């Protein structure tokens, strides 16, 4: 693909269509790569001036740059074709589709799949080898169910959704359109519901539902549990990384992103646009306000107001955390000074 041809295609996709470029450069592009690994005929990108040294060292034939005249001139001087936009990483993500398409099996049902006669199957559906689909399941159009997926009774799956191998969809779960469930994920398993008694734990049956709205993506080996009553809901366009645990009765808002090993206890509410870093833990019945960022390995033990960045355990505003940490690092020095002062005062009194 010629570089100028790619620009024409990206112009229709870009959020900011006023793209700049150096039109005298039009190399052939055969692939994409990270800036450090890019070779001749590769397209790559950088996001800002702090990556200028990488620009000088790359072998890429073309780059997506920010709207930074210095970087653009630098690329021109060393003979690299470029296109500039306000969001280089977003445009690079869109450019990937012109060089790579994920595996998409042809529609059809493998002869080893076990499908109950009550299943309703839409148009152009793929069902792979040894998949098991139980009673009263409804499958929308263009759904892909890869080998060894298990779908329990009364599940609903929306159009264009992909279930990768060895994922499990348990009873009465509802999955919207354009969702992706990666390998090993379990949707709708029993929540951790037990009542303490004098003789031990009494199991509370988990009779509720799990609902994934349109565009939700669930990473490998993640679990979204159903509650005793009511529902666990992941709202539209939210993305879960690998090894994420969503407890029973949680609600996760729209356009959220939860990194690997996040764990939500039961009844947590995560409002729209929240970002949870890796290994964040959230206690029972907590609400995290809209637009909040919780940094990695933090523990949330109380409600968090909207539009904050919080850090630590228990989590509190990151700016305050950094100030506290600066003092914490100096505690040995402060303590040594305190001992000297104490010794001086005691000797002075003598």
Protein backbone atom coordinates (compact mmCIF):
# COMPACT_ATOMS: atom_id res chain seq x y z
CA UNK A 1 0.00 0.00 0.00
CA UNK A 2 1.30 3.45 -0.93
CA UNK A 3 1.64 5.97 1.89
CA UNK A 4 -0.54 8.61 0.20
CA UNK A 5 -3.20 5.96 -0.40
CA UNK A 6 -3.16 5.18 3.32
CA UNK A 7 -3.53 8.87 4.15
CA UNK A 8 -6.61 9.09 1.95
CA UNK A 9 -8.15 6.12 3.76
CA UNK A 10 -7.27 7.39 7.21
CA UNK A 11 -8.70 10.82 6.45
CA UNK A 12 -12.16 9.26 6.44
CA UNK A 13 -11.52 7.51 9.76
CA UNK A 14 -9.68 10.16 11.73
CA UNK A 15 -11.47 12.09 14.47
CA UNK A 16 -9.67 15.19 13.20
CA UNK A 17 -9.80 15.14 9.41
CA UNK A 18 -7.47 18.12 8.94
CA UNK A 19 -4.45 15.84 8.58
CA UNK A 20 -1.06 17.22 7.57
CA UNK A 21 1.63 15.35 5.67
CA UNK A 22 4.72 15.78 3.51
CA UNK A 23 3.22 15.01 0.07
CA UNK A 24 6.54 14.54 -1.75
CA UNK A 25 7.13 11.29 0.14
CA UNK A 26 5.14 8.25 -0.95
CA UNK A 27 6.88 5.01 0.06
CA UNK A 28 5.40 1.55 -0.26
CA UNK A 29 4.18 0.25 3.10
CA UNK A 30 4.14 -3.47 3.76
CA UNK A 31 3.59 -3.57 7.52
CA UNK A 32 3.43 -1.84 10.88
CA UNK A 33 5.72 -1.94 13.91
CA UNK A 34 6.66 -0.21 17.15
CA UNK A 35 9.06 2.67 16.65
CA UNK A 36 12.08 0.76 17.97
CA UNK A 37 11.45 -2.37 15.87
CA UNK A 38 10.27 -0.71 12.65
CA UNK A 39 12.19 -1.46 9.43
CA UNK A 40 12.10 -0.14 5.87
CA UNK A 41 8.56 -0.10 4.44
CA UNK A 42 7.03 -0.11 7.94
CA UNK A 43 4.62 2.44 9.40
CA UNK A 44 5.01 3.46 13.05
CA UNK A 45 4.07 6.40 15.31
CA UNK A 46 5.26 8.58 18.18
CA UNK A 47 3.11 10.59 20.56
CA UNK A 48 5.22 13.57 21.59
CA UNK A 49 8.52 15.43 21.76
CA UNK A 50 9.92 13.16 24.49
CA UNK A 51 10.22 10.45 21.84
CA UNK A 52 12.28 12.62 19.46
CA UNK A 53 15.38 10.48 19.98
CA UNK A 54 13.47 7.42 18.75
CA UNK A 55 12.48 9.30 15.61
CA UNK A 56 16.15 9.94 14.84
CA UNK A 57 17.02 6.25 15.24
CA UNK A 58 14.09 4.47 13.57
CA UNK A 59 14.31 2.71 10.21
CA UNK A 60 10.57 3.18 9.53
CA UNK A 61 9.61 4.55 6.13
CA UNK A 62 6.58 6.44 7.48
CA UNK A 63 5.39 7.80 10.81
CA UNK A 64 2.22 9.11 12.39
CA UNK A 65 3.27 12.20 14.36
CA UNK A 66 1.63 14.68 16.71
CA UNK A 67 0.99 18.20 15.47
CA UNK A 68 4.49 19.30 16.40
CA UNK A 69 6.36 21.29 13.73
CA UNK A 70 9.78 20.43 15.17
CA UNK A 71 9.13 16.69 14.94
CA UNK A 72 7.65 17.08 11.48
CA UNK A 73 10.70 18.97 10.26
CA UNK A 74 12.99 16.39 11.84
CA UNK A 75 11.20 13.58 10.01
CA UNK A 76 11.36 15.50 6.73
CA UNK A 77 15.10 16.16 7.13
CA UNK A 78 15.91 12.46 7.52
CA UNK A 79 13.64 11.41 4.66
CA UNK A 80 10.74 9.83 6.56
CA UNK A 81 7.22 10.25 5.24
CA UNK A 82 4.81 11.45 7.91
CA UNK A 83 1.24 12.28 8.71
CA UNK A 84 0.33 14.50 11.68
CA UNK A 85 -2.77 14.42 13.86
CA UNK A 86 -3.92 15.43 17.35
CA UNK A 87 -4.17 11.76 18.37
CA UNK A 88 -1.31 9.74 16.83
CA UNK A 89 -1.96 6.58 18.85
CA UNK A 90 -5.63 6.52 17.89
CA UNK A 91 -4.83 6.99 14.21
CA UNK A 92 -2.19 4.24 14.40
CA UNK A 93 -4.80 1.93 15.91
CA UNK A 94 -7.03 2.62 12.93
CA UNK A 95 -4.12 2.11 10.50
CA UNK A 96 -3.46 -1.40 11.85
CA UNK A 97 -6.67 -2.61 10.19
CA UNK A 98 -5.14 -1.97 6.75
CA UNK A 99 -2.29 -4.42 7.45
CA UNK A 100 -3.82 -7.00 9.78
CA UNK A 101 -7.23 -8.62 10.16
CA UNK A 102 -7.92 -10.97 13.08
CA UNK A 103 -8.81 -14.55 12.25
CA UNK A 104 -12.46 -14.81 11.31
CA UNK A 105 -13.74 -18.33 10.57
CA UNK A 106 -16.23 -18.92 7.81
CA UNK A 107 -19.85 -19.46 8.89
CA UNK A 108 -20.78 -23.04 9.57
CA UNK A 109 -21.32 -25.59 12.32
CA UNK A 110 -18.67 -28.20 13.04
CA UNK A 111 -20.06 -31.75 13.10
CA UNK A 112 -18.71 -32.38 16.61
CA UNK A 113 -20.58 -29.43 18.15
CA UNK A 114 -23.37 -30.44 20.53
CA UNK A 115 -26.36 -28.13 20.10
CA UNK A 116 -29.71 -28.56 21.80
CA UNK A 117 -32.69 -28.64 19.46
CA UNK A 118 -34.25 -25.62 21.22
CA UNK A 119 -31.34 -23.34 20.27
CA UNK A 120 -32.18 -20.39 18.00
CA UNK A 121 -29.30 -19.62 15.65
CA UNK A 122 -29.08 -16.45 13.53
CA UNK A 123 -27.56 -15.95 10.10
CA UNK A 124 -23.91 -16.58 9.19
CA UNK A 125 -22.97 -18.06 12.57
CA UNK A 126 -19.81 -20.06 13.18
CA UNK A 127 -19.83 -22.81 15.83
CA UNK A 128 -16.53 -24.62 16.28
CA UNK A 129 -15.50 -28.13 17.21
CA UNK A 130 -16.77 -29.60 20.48
CA UNK A 131 -18.74 -26.50 21.43
CA UNK A 132 -21.67 -27.33 23.73
CA UNK A 133 -24.86 -25.27 23.58
CA UNK A 134 -27.65 -26.20 25.97
CA UNK A 135 -31.40 -25.53 26.06
CA UNK A 136 -33.18 -22.36 24.96
CA UNK A 137 -30.09 -20.43 23.90
CA UNK A 138 -30.56 -17.56 21.43
CA UNK A 139 -27.63 -16.71 19.16
CA UNK A 140 -27.67 -13.58 16.99
CA UNK A 141 -26.37 -13.05 13.47
CA UNK A 142 -22.68 -13.40 12.58
CA UNK A 143 -21.72 -14.71 16.02
CA UNK A 144 -18.48 -16.73 16.27
CA UNK A 145 -18.38 -19.52 18.86
CA UNK A 146 -14.92 -21.05 18.84
CA UNK A 147 -14.01 -24.65 19.76
CA UNK A 148 -14.87 -26.01 23.19
CA UNK A 149 -17.02 -23.10 24.28
CA UNK A 150 -19.76 -24.10 26.72
CA UNK A 151 -23.05 -22.19 26.82
CA UNK A 152 -25.54 -23.03 29.56
CA UNK A 153 -29.36 -22.82 29.25
CA UNK A 154 -31.35 -19.65 28.54
CA UNK A 155 -28.39 -17.55 27.40
CA UNK A 156 -28.87 -14.70 24.90
CA UNK A 157 -25.97 -13.64 22.65
CA UNK A 158 -26.19 -10.54 20.42
CA UNK A 159 -25.09 -9.99 16.84
CA UNK A 160 -21.38 -10.06 15.89
CA UNK A 161 -20.20 -11.26 19.29
CA UNK A 162 -17.12 -13.50 19.52
CA UNK A 163 -16.67 -16.24 22.11
CA UNK A 164 -13.11 -17.59 22.03
CA UNK A 165 -12.12 -21.16 22.84
CA UNK A 166 -12.74 -22.53 26.32
CA UNK A 167 -14.84 -19.59 27.49
CA UNK A 168 -17.97 -20.45 29.48
CA UNK A 169 -21.31 -18.64 29.51
CA UNK A 170 -23.44 -19.80 32.41
CA UNK A 171 -27.19 -19.94 32.74
CA UNK A 172 -29.42 -16.98 31.83
CA UNK A 173 -26.55 -14.65 31.02
CA UNK A 174 -27.27 -11.91 28.49
CA UNK A 175 -24.50 -10.76 26.17
CA UNK A 176 -25.02 -7.83 23.83
CA UNK A 177 -23.89 -7.16 20.28
CA UNK A 178 -20.24 -6.72 19.27
CA UNK A 179 -18.86 -8.19 22.48
CA UNK A 180 -15.65 -10.21 22.77
CA UNK A 181 -15.20 -12.93 25.39
CA UNK A 182 -11.62 -14.22 25.46
CA UNK A 183 -10.40 -17.71 26.26
CA UNK A 184 -10.95 -19.00 29.76
CA UNK A 185 -13.37 -16.25 30.78
CA UNK A 186 -16.49 -17.26 32.72
CA UNK A 187 -19.61 -15.13 32.47
CA UNK A 188 -22.44 -15.66 34.94
CA UNK A 189 -20.86 -18.11 37.38
CA UNK A 190 -22.24 -18.26 40.92
CA UNK A 191 -21.31 -15.33 43.11
CA UNK A 192 -19.50 -16.00 46.39
CA UNK A 193 -22.62 -16.16 48.54
CA UNK A 194 -22.50 -17.98 51.87
CA UNK A 195 -24.26 -17.24 55.16
CA UNK A 196 -22.40 -17.99 58.42
CA UNK A 197 -24.22 -20.26 60.89
CA UNK A 198 -23.36 -21.91 64.19
CA UNK A 199 -22.41 -25.07 62.33
CA UNK A 200 -20.63 -23.57 59.35
CA UNK A 201 -21.48 -21.90 56.07
CA UNK A 202 -24.95 -22.07 54.51
CA UNK A 203 -24.94 -21.68 50.74
CA UNK A 204 -27.09 -18.87 49.33
CA UNK A 205 -28.23 -19.83 45.84
CA UNK A 206 -27.29 -17.28 43.20
CA UNK A 207 -30.52 -16.85 41.25
CA UNK A 208 -29.71 -13.53 39.55
CA UNK A 209 -28.51 -12.58 36.09
CA UNK A 210 -25.32 -11.37 34.45
CA UNK A 211 -25.71 -8.77 31.70
CA UNK A 212 -23.01 -7.52 29.32
CA UNK A 213 -24.16 -4.60 27.19
CA UNK A 214 -23.02 -3.92 23.61
CA UNK A 215 -19.30 -3.62 22.88
CA UNK A 216 -18.03 -5.11 26.13
CA UNK A 217 -14.74 -7.02 26.00
CA UNK A 218 -13.72 -9.54 28.67
CA UNK A 219 -10.08 -10.66 28.91
CA UNK A 220 -8.70 -14.17 29.33
CA UNK A 221 -9.47 -16.00 32.58
CA UNK A 222 -11.67 -13.22 33.92
CA UNK A 223 -14.89 -13.86 35.82
CA UNK A 224 -18.14 -11.89 35.99
CA UNK A 225 -20.36 -13.44 38.67
CA UNK A 226 -24.12 -13.50 39.00
CA UNK A 227 -25.78 -12.41 42.28
CA UNK A 228 -28.25 -14.08 44.61
CA UNK A 229 -30.96 -11.74 43.29
CA UNK A 230 -31.00 -8.93 40.76
CA UNK A 231 -28.17 -8.57 38.27
CA UNK A 232 -24.49 -7.99 37.70
CA UNK A 233 -24.16 -5.54 34.79
CA UNK A 234 -21.23 -4.38 32.65
CA UNK A 235 -22.37 -1.39 30.60
CA UNK A 236 -21.63 -0.58 26.98
CA UNK A 237 -18.09 -0.36 25.59
CA UNK A 238 -16.34 -1.24 28.85
CA UNK A 239 -13.14 -3.29 28.59
CA UNK A 240 -11.79 -5.81 31.11
CA UNK A 241 -8.20 -7.04 30.92
CA UNK A 242 -7.09 -10.58 31.78
CA UNK A 243 -7.63 -12.04 35.27
CA UNK A 244 -10.27 -9.55 36.38
CA UNK A 245 -12.84 -10.51 39.02
CA UNK A 246 -16.25 -8.81 39.03
CA UNK A 247 -18.17 -9.85 42.13
CA UNK A 248 -21.87 -10.57 42.38
CA UNK A 249 -24.24 -7.63 42.09
CA UNK A 250 -21.67 -5.16 40.73
CA UNK A 251 -22.47 -2.48 38.18
CA UNK A 252 -19.65 -1.23 35.96
CA UNK A 253 -20.50 1.84 33.88
CA UNK A 254 -19.95 2.74 30.25
CA UNK A 255 -16.51 3.24 28.70
CA UNK A 256 -14.58 1.98 31.72
CA UNK A 257 -11.25 0.13 31.54
CA UNK A 258 -10.13 -2.35 34.22
CA UNK A 259 -6.53 -3.56 34.00
CA UNK A 260 -5.26 -7.02 34.88
CA UNK A 261 -5.97 -8.52 38.31
CA UNK A 262 -8.52 -5.91 39.35
CA UNK A 263 -10.95 -7.35 41.88
CA UNK A 264 -14.37 -5.93 42.75
CA UNK A 265 -16.13 -7.34 45.81
CA UNK A 266 -19.89 -7.73 45.85
CA UNK A 267 -22.23 -4.83 45.18
CA UNK A 268 -19.62 -2.36 43.90
CA UNK A 269 -20.75 0.47 41.62
CA UNK A 270 -18.21 1.82 39.14
CA UNK A 271 -19.61 4.82 37.30
CA UNK A 272 -18.95 5.78 33.65
CA UNK A 273 -15.45 6.44 32.36
CA UNK A 274 -13.54 5.04 35.33
CA UNK A 275 -10.01 3.63 34.89
CA UNK A 276 -8.75 1.04 37.38
CA UNK A 277 -5.04 0.20 37.24
CA UNK A 278 -3.59 -3.28 37.65
CA UNK A 279 -4.27 -5.13 40.92
CA UNK A 280 -6.70 -2.55 42.28
CA UNK A 281 -8.99 -4.01 44.92
CA UNK A 282 -12.40 -2.56 45.80
CA UNK A 283 -14.30 -3.46 48.98
CA UNK A 284 -17.99 -4.38 49.30
CA UNK A 285 -20.70 -1.88 48.36
CA UNK A 286 -18.26 0.90 47.37
CA UNK A 287 -19.13 3.51 44.72
CA UNK A 288 -16.37 4.94 42.50
CA UNK A 289 -17.47 8.19 40.89
CA UNK A 290 -17.58 9.02 37.21
CA UNK A 291 -14.26 9.70 35.48
CA UNK A 292 -12.08 8.64 38.40
CA UNK A 293 -8.66 7.02 37.96
CA UNK A 294 -7.43 4.53 40.58
CA UNK A 295 -3.72 3.84 40.18
CA UNK A 296 -2.19 0.36 40.26
CA UNK A 297 -2.22 -1.74 43.45
CA UNK A 298 -4.49 0.68 45.30
CA UNK A 299 -7.13 -0.51 47.75
CA UNK A 300 -10.49 1.29 47.70
CA UNK A 301 -12.23 1.01 51.07
CA UNK A 302 -14.56 4.02 50.93
CA UNK A 303 -16.64 5.83 48.30
CA UNK A 304 -14.62 7.92 45.82
CA UNK A 305 -15.97 11.19 44.41
CA UNK A 306 -16.06 11.75 40.61
CA UNK A 307 -13.10 12.96 38.56
CA UNK A 308 -10.36 12.20 41.07
CA UNK A 309 -7.07 10.36 40.75
CA UNK A 310 -6.46 8.25 43.84
CA UNK A 311 -3.55 6.11 45.04
CA UNK A 312 -2.64 3.86 47.94
CA UNK A 313 -4.40 1.70 50.52
CA UNK A 314 -6.75 3.06 51.61
CA UNK A 315 -6.87 5.08 48.39
CA UNK A 316 -6.80 8.86 48.65
CA UNK A 317 -5.98 11.71 46.22
CA UNK A 318 -2.75 11.02 44.36
CA UNK A 319 -1.40 14.53 44.88
CA UNK A 320 -1.69 14.11 48.66
CA UNK A 321 -0.23 10.60 48.41
CA UNK A 322 2.87 11.89 46.64
CA UNK A 323 3.40 14.53 49.33
CA UNK A 324 3.00 11.92 52.06
CA UNK A 325 5.34 9.52 50.30
CA UNK A 326 8.01 12.20 50.03
CA UNK A 327 7.91 12.50 53.84
CA UNK A 328 7.74 8.73 54.32
CA UNK A 329 10.97 8.22 52.37
CA UNK A 330 12.71 10.63 54.75
CA UNK A 331 11.49 8.97 57.95
CA UNK A 332 14.87 7.30 58.75
CA UNK A 333 16.59 10.68 58.37
CA UNK A 334 13.89 12.45 60.39
CA UNK A 335 14.05 9.81 63.12
CA UNK A 336 17.83 10.06 63.30
CA UNK A 337 17.51 13.82 63.70
CA UNK A 338 14.87 13.34 66.38
CA UNK A 339 17.17 11.03 68.37
CA UNK A 340 20.00 13.55 68.17
CA UNK A 341 17.68 16.33 69.33
CA UNK A 342 16.36 14.17 72.20
CA UNK A 343 19.92 13.30 73.27
CA UNK A 344 20.92 16.97 73.16
CA UNK A 345 17.91 18.07 75.19
CA UNK A 346 18.43 15.39 77.81
CA UNK A 347 22.14 16.21 78.12
CA UNK A 348 21.33 19.93 78.36
CA UNK A 349 18.95 19.28 81.23
CA UNK A 350 21.66 17.40 83.08
